[in-house]
Amino acid sequence: MNTYKANVRVARSGGIGTMMVWVQVNAQNTIAARSLLEAQYGRGNVVHGPTLVA
């Protein structure tokens, strides 16, 4: 398993607007990492990545 990081869009507390946060996920490859992130944060909310963490 490898660790990948990605920039995702999440709702701000209070419900007004969104913000970008860096998250990490463990997966076998970048396709699996993107699938996991889209399942958790919603399709289209993965802005940048996933990229392998060295």
N, C-alpha and C. Protein backbone atom coordinates (compact mmCIF):
# COMPACT_ATOMS: atom_id res chain seq x y z
N MET A 1 0.84 -1.18 0.00
CA MET A 1 0.00 0.00 0.00
C MET A 1 0.88 1.24 0.00
N ASN A 2 0.47 2.24 -0.73
CA ASN A 2 1.18 3.51 -0.82
C ASN A 2 0.32 4.61 -0.24
N THR A 3 0.94 5.69 0.14
CA THR A 3 0.22 6.87 0.64
C THR A 3 0.17 7.92 -0.45
N TYR A 4 -1.02 8.42 -0.70
CA TYR A 4 -1.24 9.46 -1.71
C TYR A 4 -1.85 10.68 -1.03
N LYS A 5 -1.53 11.87 -1.56
CA LYS A 5 -2.15 13.09 -1.04
C LYS A 5 -2.90 13.75 -2.19
N ALA A 6 -3.95 14.48 -1.82
CA ALA A 6 -4.76 15.17 -2.81
C ALA A 6 -5.37 16.41 -2.18
N ASN A 7 -5.71 17.36 -3.02
CA ASN A 7 -6.39 18.57 -2.60
C ASN A 7 -7.87 18.39 -2.92
N VAL A 8 -8.72 18.49 -1.90
CA VAL A 8 -10.15 18.28 -2.10
C VAL A 8 -10.94 19.49 -1.62
N ARG A 9 -12.14 19.63 -2.15
CA ARG A 9 -13.04 20.72 -1.80
C ARG A 9 -14.04 20.20 -0.76
N VAL A 10 -14.15 20.90 0.36
CA VAL A 10 -15.10 20.53 1.41
C VAL A 10 -15.91 21.76 1.81
N ALA A 11 -17.07 21.52 2.41
CA ALA A 11 -17.92 22.62 2.86
C ALA A 11 -17.34 23.26 4.11
N ARG A 12 -17.46 24.57 4.20
CA ARG A 12 -17.02 25.28 5.40
C ARG A 12 -18.00 25.02 6.54
N SER A 13 -17.52 25.14 7.77
CA SER A 13 -18.43 25.04 8.90
C SER A 13 -19.38 26.24 8.85
N GLY A 14 -20.60 26.01 9.16
CA GLY A 14 -21.60 27.06 9.03
C GLY A 14 -22.37 26.94 7.73
N GLY A 15 -21.85 26.14 6.79
CA GLY A 15 -22.56 25.85 5.57
C GLY A 15 -22.47 26.88 4.47
N ILE A 16 -21.68 27.92 4.65
CA ILE A 16 -21.58 28.95 3.62
C ILE A 16 -20.23 28.83 2.93
N GLY A 17 -20.22 28.44 1.66
CA GLY A 17 -19.01 28.35 0.88
C GLY A 17 -18.26 27.04 1.05
N THR A 18 -17.11 26.97 0.38
CA THR A 18 -16.27 25.78 0.44
C THR A 18 -14.83 26.21 0.69
N MET A 19 -14.01 25.23 1.06
CA MET A 19 -12.59 25.48 1.22
C MET A 19 -11.82 24.27 0.70
N MET A 20 -10.54 24.46 0.45
CA MET A 20 -9.69 23.39 -0.05
C MET A 20 -8.82 22.88 1.09
N VAL A 21 -8.71 21.55 1.20
CA VAL A 21 -7.85 20.95 2.21
C VAL A 21 -7.03 19.83 1.58
N TRP A 22 -5.84 19.58 2.13
CA TRP A 22 -5.01 18.47 1.70
C TRP A 22 -5.39 17.26 2.55
N VAL A 23 -5.59 16.12 1.90
CA VAL A 23 -5.91 14.89 2.61
C VAL A 23 -4.97 13.79 2.13
N GLN A 24 -4.81 12.75 2.95
CA GLN A 24 -4.00 11.61 2.58
C GLN A 24 -4.84 10.35 2.63
N VAL A 25 -4.54 9.42 1.74
CA VAL A 25 -5.25 8.15 1.68
C VAL A 25 -4.26 7.06 1.33
N ASN A 26 -4.47 5.86 1.83
CA ASN A 26 -3.64 4.71 1.51
C ASN A 26 -4.35 3.89 0.44
N ALA A 27 -3.64 3.61 -0.66
CA ALA A 27 -4.20 2.84 -1.75
C ALA A 27 -3.08 2.16 -2.52
N GLN A 28 -3.47 1.23 -3.41
CA GLN A 28 -2.47 0.49 -4.18
C GLN A 28 -1.95 1.29 -5.37
N ASN A 29 -2.78 2.18 -5.95
CA ASN A 29 -2.36 2.98 -7.10
C ASN A 29 -3.18 4.27 -7.15
N THR A 30 -2.85 5.14 -8.10
CA THR A 30 -3.52 6.45 -8.17
C THR A 30 -5.00 6.32 -8.52
N ILE A 31 -5.35 5.34 -9.34
CA ILE A 31 -6.76 5.16 -9.72
C ILE A 31 -7.58 4.76 -8.50
N ALA A 32 -7.04 3.84 -7.70
CA ALA A 32 -7.74 3.42 -6.49
C ALA A 32 -7.82 4.57 -5.49
N ALA A 33 -6.77 5.36 -5.40
CA ALA A 33 -6.77 6.50 -4.49
C ALA A 33 -7.84 7.51 -4.88
N ARG A 34 -7.94 7.82 -6.18
CA ARG A 34 -8.97 8.76 -6.65
C ARG A 34 -10.36 8.21 -6.38
N SER A 35 -10.55 6.92 -6.59
CA SER A 35 -11.86 6.30 -6.34
C SER A 35 -12.25 6.41 -4.87
N LEU A 36 -11.29 6.17 -3.99
CA LEU A 36 -11.57 6.29 -2.56
C LEU A 36 -11.91 7.72 -2.18
N LEU A 37 -11.17 8.68 -2.71
CA LEU A 37 -11.42 10.08 -2.40
C LEU A 37 -12.76 10.55 -2.94
N GLU A 38 -13.12 10.13 -4.15
CA GLU A 38 -14.41 10.52 -4.71
C GLU A 38 -15.55 9.88 -3.95
N ALA A 39 -15.34 8.67 -3.44
CA ALA A 39 -16.38 8.03 -2.64
C ALA A 39 -16.60 8.78 -1.33
N GLN A 40 -15.52 9.29 -0.75
CA GLN A 40 -15.62 9.97 0.53
C GLN A 40 -16.07 11.42 0.41
N TYR A 41 -15.54 12.15 -0.57
CA TYR A 41 -15.79 13.59 -0.67
C TYR A 41 -16.75 13.98 -1.79
N GLY A 42 -17.15 13.03 -2.60
CA GLY A 42 -18.09 13.30 -3.68
C GLY A 42 -17.39 13.49 -5.01
N ARG A 43 -18.07 13.06 -6.07
CA ARG A 43 -17.51 13.14 -7.40
C ARG A 43 -17.31 14.60 -7.80
N GLY A 44 -16.12 14.91 -8.32
CA GLY A 44 -15.82 16.27 -8.76
C GLY A 44 -15.19 17.14 -7.68
N ASN A 45 -15.07 16.65 -6.46
CA ASN A 45 -14.49 17.45 -5.39
C ASN A 45 -13.00 17.20 -5.19
N VAL A 46 -12.43 16.26 -5.94
CA VAL A 46 -10.98 16.05 -5.91
C VAL A 46 -10.39 17.05 -6.90
N VAL A 47 -9.74 18.08 -6.38
CA VAL A 47 -9.27 19.18 -7.22
C VAL A 47 -7.90 18.90 -7.82
N HIS A 48 -6.98 18.43 -7.00
CA HIS A 48 -5.61 18.19 -7.46
C HIS A 48 -5.10 16.90 -6.86
N GLY A 49 -4.56 16.05 -7.70
CA GLY A 49 -3.99 14.81 -7.20
C GLY A 49 -4.85 13.63 -7.60
N PRO A 50 -4.64 12.50 -7.06
CA PRO A 50 -3.71 12.17 -6.00
C PRO A 50 -2.27 12.02 -6.50
N THR A 51 -1.33 12.39 -5.64
CA THR A 51 0.09 12.22 -5.95
C THR A 51 0.73 11.39 -4.85
N LEU A 52 1.71 10.61 -5.23
CA LEU A 52 2.39 9.72 -4.30
C LEU A 52 3.23 10.51 -3.31
N VAL A 53 3.11 10.19 -2.03
CA VAL A 53 3.90 10.82 -0.98
C VAL A 53 5.18 10.01 -0.82
N ALA A 54 6.31 10.69 -0.92
CA ALA A 54 7.60 9.99 -0.83
C ALA A 54 7.98 9.67 0.58
